Amino acid sequence: MNRTARQQAILRLIRDGAISTQAELVSALRDEGFDVVQTTVSRDVAELELVKVRAPSGRLVYADPGAGDADRLKAIAAAMRRYATGVETAGPLVVISTPSGYASALAQAIDEGRHPAIAGTIAGDNTIFVAPRAATTARSLGRELAGHLAPD
């Protein structure tokens, strides 16, 4: 069977069931009649740009690209509520304040969330510089992030 058929089967399998690992995916494909090895599945996962999202069970499972966008943005919002104490714009950057020692954890959550308007972060001890992507202004991104701050 060819690559296109195999990749279509992968997409169907991850939509129909909770598959967490490449080994589980190899096993499911073999059950479908595909003679595959883990390296082939690894290449398919990369080519299909599959993402991992948290299933209702709490387990991380493979999903279509973009399927986890809402979950990732919710994770950024939760991390902002948990760690951020303030947001302001400074020229082309957004500056986020945290209590001492929390900037790195929040920056990591923002980076892992792969927000479509954020190019990257730089964290200190209690401050994060957030660089918006070219199509986004610091002001609009700052307003969005400030909207996630915990109410006083």
N, C-alpha and C. Protein backbone atom coordinates (compact mmCIF):
# COMPACT_ATOMS: atom_id res chain seq x y z
N MET A 1 0.84 -1.17 0.00
CA MET A 1 0.00 0.00 0.00
C MET A 1 0.89 1.24 0.00
N ASN A 2 0.41 2.30 -0.61
CA ASN A 2 1.27 3.45 -0.79
C ASN A 2 1.19 4.43 0.38
N ARG A 3 2.07 5.42 0.34
CA ARG A 3 2.18 6.41 1.40
C ARG A 3 0.89 7.18 1.61
N THR A 4 0.24 7.59 0.51
CA THR A 4 -1.00 8.36 0.63
C THR A 4 -2.07 7.56 1.35
N ALA A 5 -2.23 6.30 1.00
CA ALA A 5 -3.22 5.44 1.66
C ALA A 5 -2.88 5.26 3.14
N ARG A 6 -1.59 5.07 3.43
CA ARG A 6 -1.15 4.90 4.81
C ARG A 6 -1.43 6.17 5.63
N GLN A 7 -1.12 7.33 5.06
CA GLN A 7 -1.33 8.57 5.79
C GLN A 7 -2.82 8.87 5.97
N GLN A 8 -3.63 8.51 4.99
CA GLN A 8 -5.09 8.66 5.16
C GLN A 8 -5.58 7.75 6.28
N ALA A 9 -5.02 6.55 6.36
CA ALA A 9 -5.39 5.63 7.44
C ALA A 9 -4.97 6.20 8.80
N ILE A 10 -3.81 6.81 8.86
CA ILE A 10 -3.35 7.42 10.11
C ILE A 10 -4.32 8.50 10.56
N LEU A 11 -4.71 9.37 9.64
CA LEU A 11 -5.65 10.44 9.98
C LEU A 11 -6.98 9.88 10.47
N ARG A 12 -7.45 8.84 9.82
CA ARG A 12 -8.72 8.21 10.24
C ARG A 12 -8.56 7.59 11.63
N LEU A 13 -7.45 6.89 11.85
CA LEU A 13 -7.22 6.23 13.14
C LEU A 13 -7.15 7.22 14.29
N ILE A 14 -6.47 8.35 14.09
CA ILE A 14 -6.35 9.30 15.20
C ILE A 14 -7.67 10.04 15.44
N ARG A 15 -8.50 10.15 14.41
CA ARG A 15 -9.81 10.78 14.59
C ARG A 15 -10.77 9.84 15.31
N ASP A 16 -10.63 8.54 15.03
CA ASP A 16 -11.57 7.55 15.57
C ASP A 16 -11.19 7.03 16.95
N GLY A 17 -9.93 7.12 17.31
CA GLY A 17 -9.50 6.56 18.59
C GLY A 17 -8.41 7.39 19.24
N ALA A 18 -8.18 7.12 20.49
CA ALA A 18 -7.16 7.84 21.26
C ALA A 18 -5.83 7.11 21.12
N ILE A 19 -4.96 7.62 20.27
CA ILE A 19 -3.65 7.02 20.04
C ILE A 19 -2.59 7.97 20.59
N SER A 20 -1.81 7.47 21.55
CA SER A 20 -0.86 8.33 22.26
C SER A 20 0.58 8.21 21.79
N THR A 21 0.94 7.05 21.26
CA THR A 21 2.35 6.84 20.92
C THR A 21 2.49 6.33 19.49
N GLN A 22 3.69 6.45 18.98
CA GLN A 22 3.96 5.91 17.65
C GLN A 22 3.84 4.39 17.66
N ALA A 23 4.19 3.76 18.77
CA ALA A 23 4.06 2.29 18.86
C ALA A 23 2.59 1.89 18.74
N GLU A 24 1.69 2.64 19.38
CA GLU A 24 0.26 2.36 19.25
C GLU A 24 -0.21 2.56 17.82
N LEU A 25 0.34 3.58 17.18
CA LEU A 25 -0.03 3.87 15.79
C LEU A 25 0.46 2.76 14.86
N VAL A 26 1.69 2.26 15.09
CA VAL A 26 2.22 1.14 14.30
C VAL A 26 1.30 -0.06 14.45
N SER A 27 0.92 -0.37 15.69
CA SER A 27 0.06 -1.52 15.95
C SER A 27 -1.29 -1.37 15.25
N ALA A 28 -1.89 -0.19 15.34
CA ALA A 28 -3.19 0.04 14.70
C ALA A 28 -3.08 -0.07 13.18
N LEU A 29 -1.99 0.44 12.62
CA LEU A 29 -1.79 0.34 11.16
C LEU A 29 -1.60 -1.11 10.74
N ARG A 30 -0.87 -1.87 11.51
CA ARG A 30 -0.68 -3.29 11.20
C ARG A 30 -2.01 -4.03 11.24
N ASP A 31 -2.85 -3.67 12.22
CA ASP A 31 -4.19 -4.28 12.29
C ASP A 31 -5.01 -3.96 11.05
N GLU A 32 -4.70 -2.83 10.39
CA GLU A 32 -5.40 -2.42 9.17
C GLU A 32 -4.75 -3.02 7.92
N GLY A 33 -3.68 -3.79 8.09
CA GLY A 33 -3.04 -4.43 6.95
C GLY A 33 -1.83 -3.72 6.38
N PHE A 34 -1.36 -2.68 7.06
CA PHE A 34 -0.18 -1.95 6.61
C PHE A 34 1.06 -2.56 7.25
N ASP A 35 2.06 -2.84 6.43
CA ASP A 35 3.33 -3.37 6.93
C ASP A 35 4.25 -2.18 7.18
N VAL A 36 4.29 -1.68 8.42
CA VAL A 36 5.05 -0.48 8.74
C VAL A 36 5.98 -0.71 9.91
N VAL A 37 6.97 0.16 10.00
CA VAL A 37 7.87 0.19 11.15
C VAL A 37 7.78 1.58 11.78
N GLN A 38 8.32 1.70 12.97
CA GLN A 38 8.21 2.95 13.71
C GLN A 38 8.83 4.13 12.97
N THR A 39 9.94 3.92 12.27
CA THR A 39 10.57 5.04 11.57
C THR A 39 9.68 5.58 10.46
N THR A 40 8.95 4.71 9.80
CA THR A 40 8.01 5.15 8.76
C THR A 40 6.89 5.97 9.39
N VAL A 41 6.36 5.49 10.50
CA VAL A 41 5.29 6.20 11.19
C VAL A 41 5.80 7.54 11.71
N SER A 42 7.01 7.57 12.20
CA SER A 42 7.60 8.82 12.69
C SER A 42 7.67 9.85 11.56
N ARG A 43 8.08 9.41 10.40
CA ARG A 43 8.15 10.30 9.23
C ARG A 43 6.75 10.77 8.84
N ASP A 44 5.76 9.86 8.88
CA ASP A 44 4.38 10.23 8.56
C ASP A 44 3.84 11.25 9.55
N VAL A 45 4.10 11.06 10.84
CA VAL A 45 3.64 11.99 11.87
C VAL A 45 4.20 13.38 11.58
N ALA A 46 5.48 13.45 11.22
CA ALA A 46 6.10 14.75 10.91
C ALA A 46 5.51 15.36 9.65
N GLU A 47 5.35 14.55 8.60
CA GLU A 47 4.80 15.07 7.33
C GLU A 47 3.36 15.54 7.49
N LEU A 48 2.59 14.84 8.30
CA LEU A 48 1.19 15.22 8.53
C LEU A 48 1.06 16.34 9.54
N GLU A 49 2.18 16.70 10.18
CA GLU A 49 2.22 17.76 11.20
C GLU A 49 1.22 17.51 12.31
N LEU A 50 1.14 16.23 12.75
CA LEU A 50 0.23 15.88 13.83
C LEU A 50 0.66 16.57 15.11
N VAL A 51 -0.30 16.87 15.95
CA VAL A 51 -0.02 17.49 17.24
C VAL A 51 -0.54 16.57 18.34
N LYS A 52 -0.11 16.83 19.55
CA LYS A 52 -0.64 16.09 20.70
C LYS A 52 -1.57 17.03 21.45
N VAL A 53 -2.74 16.54 21.78
CA VAL A 53 -3.71 17.30 22.56
C VAL A 53 -4.16 16.44 23.74
N ARG A 54 -4.68 17.10 24.75
CA ARG A 54 -5.16 16.37 25.92
C ARG A 54 -6.58 15.89 25.67
N ALA A 55 -6.77 14.58 25.74
CA ALA A 55 -8.09 13.98 25.57
C ALA A 55 -8.90 14.20 26.85
N PRO A 56 -10.21 14.01 26.81
CA PRO A 56 -11.02 14.16 28.02
C PRO A 56 -10.52 13.29 29.18
N SER A 57 -9.89 12.18 28.84
CA SER A 57 -9.34 11.28 29.88
C SER A 57 -8.12 11.87 30.56
N GLY A 58 -7.56 12.94 29.97
CA GLY A 58 -6.34 13.54 30.51
C GLY A 58 -5.09 13.06 29.80
N ARG A 59 -5.23 12.05 28.98
CA ARG A 59 -4.12 11.45 28.25
C ARG A 59 -3.80 12.29 27.01
N LEU A 60 -2.50 12.45 26.69
CA LEU A 60 -2.11 13.15 25.46
C LEU A 60 -2.25 12.20 24.29
N VAL A 61 -2.94 12.65 23.24
CA VAL A 61 -3.18 11.82 22.06
C VAL A 61 -2.88 12.61 20.80
N TYR A 62 -2.61 11.90 19.71
CA TYR A 62 -2.38 12.55 18.43
C TYR A 62 -3.67 13.15 17.89
N ALA A 63 -3.51 14.29 17.20
CA ALA A 63 -4.65 14.96 16.57
C ALA A 63 -4.19 15.64 15.30
N ASP A 64 -5.16 16.00 14.45
CA ASP A 64 -4.87 16.73 13.22
C ASP A 64 -4.19 18.05 13.56
N PRO A 65 -3.37 18.58 12.64
CA PRO A 65 -2.80 19.90 12.88
C PRO A 65 -3.92 20.91 13.05
N GLY A 66 -3.78 21.78 14.01
CA GLY A 66 -4.81 22.78 14.26
C GLY A 66 -5.87 22.31 15.23
N ALA A 67 -5.99 21.00 15.43
CA ALA A 67 -7.03 20.50 16.33
C ALA A 67 -6.78 20.94 17.76
N GLY A 68 -5.52 21.14 18.11
CA GLY A 68 -5.21 21.51 19.47
C GLY A 68 -5.10 23.00 19.69
N ASP A 69 -5.38 23.82 18.67
CA ASP A 69 -5.22 25.26 18.83
C ASP A 69 -6.01 25.80 20.00
N ALA A 70 -7.26 25.42 20.12
CA ALA A 70 -8.08 25.94 21.21
C ALA A 70 -7.53 25.49 22.55
N ASP A 71 -7.09 24.23 22.64
CA ASP A 71 -6.53 23.73 23.88
C ASP A 71 -5.24 24.46 24.24
N ARG A 72 -4.40 24.69 23.24
CA ARG A 72 -3.13 25.39 23.51
C ARG A 72 -3.39 26.83 23.95
N LEU A 73 -4.35 27.50 23.33
CA LEU A 73 -4.67 28.87 23.73
C LEU A 73 -5.28 28.90 25.13
N LYS A 74 -6.08 27.88 25.46
CA LYS A 74 -6.62 27.79 26.82
C LYS A 74 -5.50 27.59 27.83
N ALA A 75 -4.48 26.82 27.46
CA ALA A 75 -3.34 26.60 28.36
C ALA A 75 -2.58 27.89 28.60
N ILE A 76 -2.42 28.71 27.55
CA ILE A 76 -1.76 30.01 27.72
C ILE A 76 -2.59 30.89 28.65
N ALA A 77 -3.90 30.91 28.45
CA ALA A 77 -4.78 31.73 29.29
C ALA A 77 -4.69 31.28 30.75
N ALA A 78 -4.68 29.97 30.98
CA ALA A 78 -4.59 29.45 32.35
C ALA A 78 -3.25 29.83 32.98
N ALA A 79 -2.17 29.73 32.22
CA ALA A 79 -0.85 30.09 32.74
C ALA A 79 -0.78 31.58 33.04
N MET A 80 -1.39 32.40 32.19
CA MET A 80 -1.42 33.85 32.45
C MET A 80 -2.15 34.13 33.76
N ARG A 81 -3.30 33.50 33.97
CA ARG A 81 -4.05 33.71 35.21
C ARG A 81 -3.24 33.27 36.43
N ARG A 82 -2.49 32.19 36.26
CA ARG A 82 -1.74 31.62 37.37
C ARG A 82 -0.50 32.45 37.72
N TYR A 83 0.25 32.91 36.69
CA TYR A 83 1.57 33.49 36.94
C TYR A 83 1.69 35.00 36.70
N ALA A 84 0.93 35.55 35.78
CA ALA A 84 1.14 36.95 35.39
C ALA A 84 0.51 37.92 36.39
N THR A 85 1.23 39.01 36.64
CA THR A 85 0.69 40.07 37.50
C THR A 85 0.44 41.35 36.73
N GLY A 86 1.01 41.46 35.54
CA GLY A 86 0.80 42.66 34.75
C GLY A 86 1.25 42.48 33.32
N VAL A 87 0.66 43.28 32.43
CA VAL A 87 1.01 43.26 31.01
C VAL A 87 1.05 44.70 30.52
N GLU A 88 2.10 45.05 29.79
CA GLU A 88 2.17 46.37 29.16
C GLU A 88 2.95 46.26 27.86
N THR A 89 2.76 47.23 27.00
CA THR A 89 3.52 47.25 25.75
C THR A 89 4.70 48.20 25.91
N ALA A 90 5.77 47.86 25.23
CA ALA A 90 6.98 48.69 25.24
C ALA A 90 7.54 48.65 23.83
N GLY A 91 7.17 49.64 23.04
CA GLY A 91 7.60 49.65 21.64
C GLY A 91 7.00 48.47 20.92
N PRO A 92 7.85 47.68 20.26
CA PRO A 92 7.32 46.54 19.50
C PRO A 92 7.12 45.28 20.35
N LEU A 93 7.37 45.35 21.65
CA LEU A 93 7.28 44.18 22.52
C LEU A 93 6.13 44.29 23.50
N VAL A 94 5.72 43.13 24.01
CA VAL A 94 4.79 43.06 25.12
C VAL A 94 5.63 42.61 26.32
N VAL A 95 5.46 43.28 27.45
CA VAL A 95 6.20 42.95 28.66
C VAL A 95 5.21 42.39 29.68
N ILE A 96 5.49 41.19 30.16
CA ILE A 96 4.65 40.54 31.16
C ILE A 96 5.42 40.48 32.47
N SER A 97 4.78 40.88 33.54
CA SER A 97 5.39 40.83 34.87
C SER A 97 4.83 39.63 35.63
N THR A 98 5.69 39.00 36.44
CA THR A 98 5.30 37.87 37.28
C THR A 98 5.93 38.05 38.66
N PRO A 99 5.49 37.29 39.64
CA PRO A 99 6.24 37.28 40.89
C PRO A 99 7.64 36.70 40.63
N SER A 100 8.57 37.01 41.49
CA SER A 100 9.94 36.54 41.33
C SER A 100 10.00 35.02 41.18
N GLY A 101 10.70 34.58 40.13
CA GLY A 101 10.89 33.16 39.90
C GLY A 101 9.87 32.49 39.00
N TYR A 102 8.84 33.21 38.56
CA TYR A 102 7.78 32.58 37.77
C TYR A 102 7.82 32.90 36.27
N ALA A 103 8.70 33.81 35.87
CA ALA A 103 8.72 34.22 34.46
C ALA A 103 9.07 33.06 33.54
N SER A 104 10.01 32.24 33.93
CA SER A 104 10.43 31.13 33.07
C SER A 104 9.29 30.14 32.82
N ALA A 105 8.55 29.82 33.88
CA ALA A 105 7.43 28.87 33.73
C ALA A 105 6.36 29.43 32.81
N LEU A 106 6.06 30.71 32.95
CA LEU A 106 5.05 31.32 32.09
C LEU A 106 5.54 31.42 30.65
N ALA A 107 6.79 31.82 30.47
CA ALA A 107 7.33 31.90 29.11
C ALA A 107 7.32 30.53 28.43
N GLN A 108 7.63 29.49 29.18
CA GLN A 108 7.60 28.15 28.62
C GLN A 108 6.18 27.78 28.20
N ALA A 109 5.19 28.10 29.02
CA ALA A 109 3.79 27.81 28.67
C ALA A 109 3.38 28.58 27.41
N ILE A 110 3.83 29.82 27.30
CA ILE A 110 3.50 30.63 26.11
C ILE A 110 4.17 30.02 24.87
N ASP A 111 5.45 29.66 24.99
CA ASP A 111 6.15 29.07 23.86
C ASP A 111 5.53 27.74 23.44
N GLU A 112 5.21 26.89 24.40
CA GLU A 112 4.62 25.58 24.09
C GLU A 112 3.21 25.74 23.51
N GLY A 113 2.53 26.83 23.86
CA GLY A 113 1.19 27.08 23.35
C GLY A 113 1.17 27.48 21.89
N ARG A 114 2.31 27.85 21.36
CA ARG A 114 2.45 28.22 19.94
C ARG A 114 1.32 29.15 19.49
N HIS A 115 1.15 30.23 20.23
CA HIS A 115 0.14 31.23 19.87
C HIS A 115 0.47 31.75 18.48
N PRO A 116 -0.50 31.82 17.58
CA PRO A 116 -0.20 32.21 16.20
C PRO A 116 0.31 33.65 16.06
N ALA A 117 0.09 34.50 17.05
CA ALA A 117 0.54 35.89 16.97
C ALA A 117 1.86 36.13 17.70
N ILE A 118 2.44 35.08 18.30
CA ILE A 118 3.66 35.24 19.10
C ILE A 118 4.83 34.54 18.41
N ALA A 119 5.88 35.31 18.14
CA ALA A 119 7.09 34.75 17.53
C ALA A 119 7.96 34.07 18.57
N GLY A 120 8.00 34.61 19.79
CA GLY A 120 8.82 34.01 20.83
C GLY A 120 8.86 34.85 22.08
N THR A 121 9.53 34.30 23.11
CA THR A 121 9.64 34.98 24.39
C THR A 121 11.07 34.94 24.89
N ILE A 122 11.38 35.89 25.76
CA ILE A 122 12.64 35.88 26.51
C ILE A 122 12.26 36.14 27.96
N ALA A 123 12.69 35.25 28.86
CA ALA A 123 12.29 35.37 30.26
C ALA A 123 13.49 35.67 31.15
N GLY A 124 13.24 36.54 32.10
CA GLY A 124 14.18 36.78 33.19
C GLY A 124 13.63 36.12 34.43
N ASP A 125 13.85 36.72 35.59
CA ASP A 125 13.36 36.17 36.85
C ASP A 125 11.88 36.50 37.05
N ASN A 126 11.51 37.76 36.75
CA ASN A 126 10.13 38.18 36.97
C ASN A 126 9.56 38.99 35.81
N THR A 127 10.22 38.92 34.66
CA THR A 127 9.78 39.69 33.49
C THR A 127 9.95 38.84 32.23
N ILE A 128 8.98 38.97 31.34
CA ILE A 128 9.04 38.28 30.05
C ILE A 128 8.87 39.31 28.95
N PHE A 129 9.73 39.25 27.94
CA PHE A 129 9.55 40.03 26.72
C PHE A 129 8.91 39.10 25.70
N VAL A 130 7.80 39.51 25.14
CA VAL A 130 7.08 38.73 24.15
C VAL A 130 7.17 39.47 22.81
N ALA A 131 7.67 38.77 21.78
CA ALA A 131 7.79 39.37 20.45
C ALA A 131 6.61 38.94 19.59
N PRO A 132 5.77 39.91 19.20
CA PRO A 132 4.66 39.56 18.31
C PRO A 132 5.16 39.26 16.89
N ARG A 133 4.40 38.48 16.17
CA ARG A 133 4.72 38.23 14.76
C ARG A 133 4.45 39.51 13.97
N ALA A 134 5.00 39.59 12.77
CA ALA A 134 4.93 40.79 11.95
C ALA A 134 3.51 41.28 11.70
N ALA A 135 2.56 40.39 11.57
CA ALA A 135 1.18 40.80 11.26
C ALA A 135 0.40 41.25 12.49
N THR A 136 1.04 41.23 13.66
CA THR A 136 0.35 41.57 14.90
C THR A 136 1.04 42.75 15.57
N THR A 137 0.27 43.65 16.13
CA THR A 137 0.87 44.77 16.87
C THR A 137 1.03 44.38 18.33
N ALA A 138 2.02 44.98 18.96
CA ALA A 138 2.23 44.76 20.39
C ALA A 138 0.99 45.18 21.17
N ARG A 139 0.37 46.26 20.75
CA ARG A 139 -0.82 46.76 21.46
C ARG A 139 -1.94 45.73 21.45
N SER A 140 -2.26 45.16 20.28
CA SER A 140 -3.36 44.19 20.21
C SER A 140 -3.02 42.91 20.97
N LEU A 141 -1.78 42.44 20.86
CA LEU A 141 -1.38 41.24 21.58
C LEU A 141 -1.38 41.51 23.08
N GLY A 142 -0.90 42.67 23.47
CA GLY A 142 -0.90 43.03 24.89
C GLY A 142 -2.30 43.05 25.47
N ARG A 143 -3.25 43.62 24.72
CA ARG A 143 -4.64 43.64 25.18
C ARG A 143 -5.19 42.22 25.35
N GLU A 144 -4.88 41.36 24.37
CA GLU A 144 -5.36 39.98 24.46
C GLU A 144 -4.79 39.29 25.69
N LEU A 145 -3.47 39.41 25.88
CA LEU A 145 -2.84 38.74 27.02
C LEU A 145 -3.31 39.34 28.34
N ALA A 146 -3.49 40.64 28.41
CA ALA A 146 -3.97 41.29 29.64
C ALA A 146 -5.38 40.81 29.98
N GLY A 147 -6.15 40.44 28.96
CA GLY A 147 -7.49 39.92 29.20
C GLY A 147 -7.52 38.61 29.95
N HIS A 148 -6.37 37.94 30.04
CA HIS A 148 -6.28 36.66 30.75
C HIS A 148 -5.82 36.82 32.19
N LEU A 149 -5.48 38.03 32.60
CA LEU A 149 -5.00 38.23 33.97
C LEU A 149 -6.10 37.88 34.96
N ALA A 150 -5.69 37.32 36.09
CA ALA A 150 -6.65 36.99 37.14
C ALA A 150 -7.27 38.28 37.66
N PRO A 151 -8.58 38.27 37.91
CA PRO A 151 -9.21 39.48 38.44
C PRO A 151 -8.67 39.79 39.84
N ASP A 152 -8.61 41.07 40.15
CA ASP A 152 -8.09 41.47 41.47
C ASP A 152 -9.05 41.12 42.58
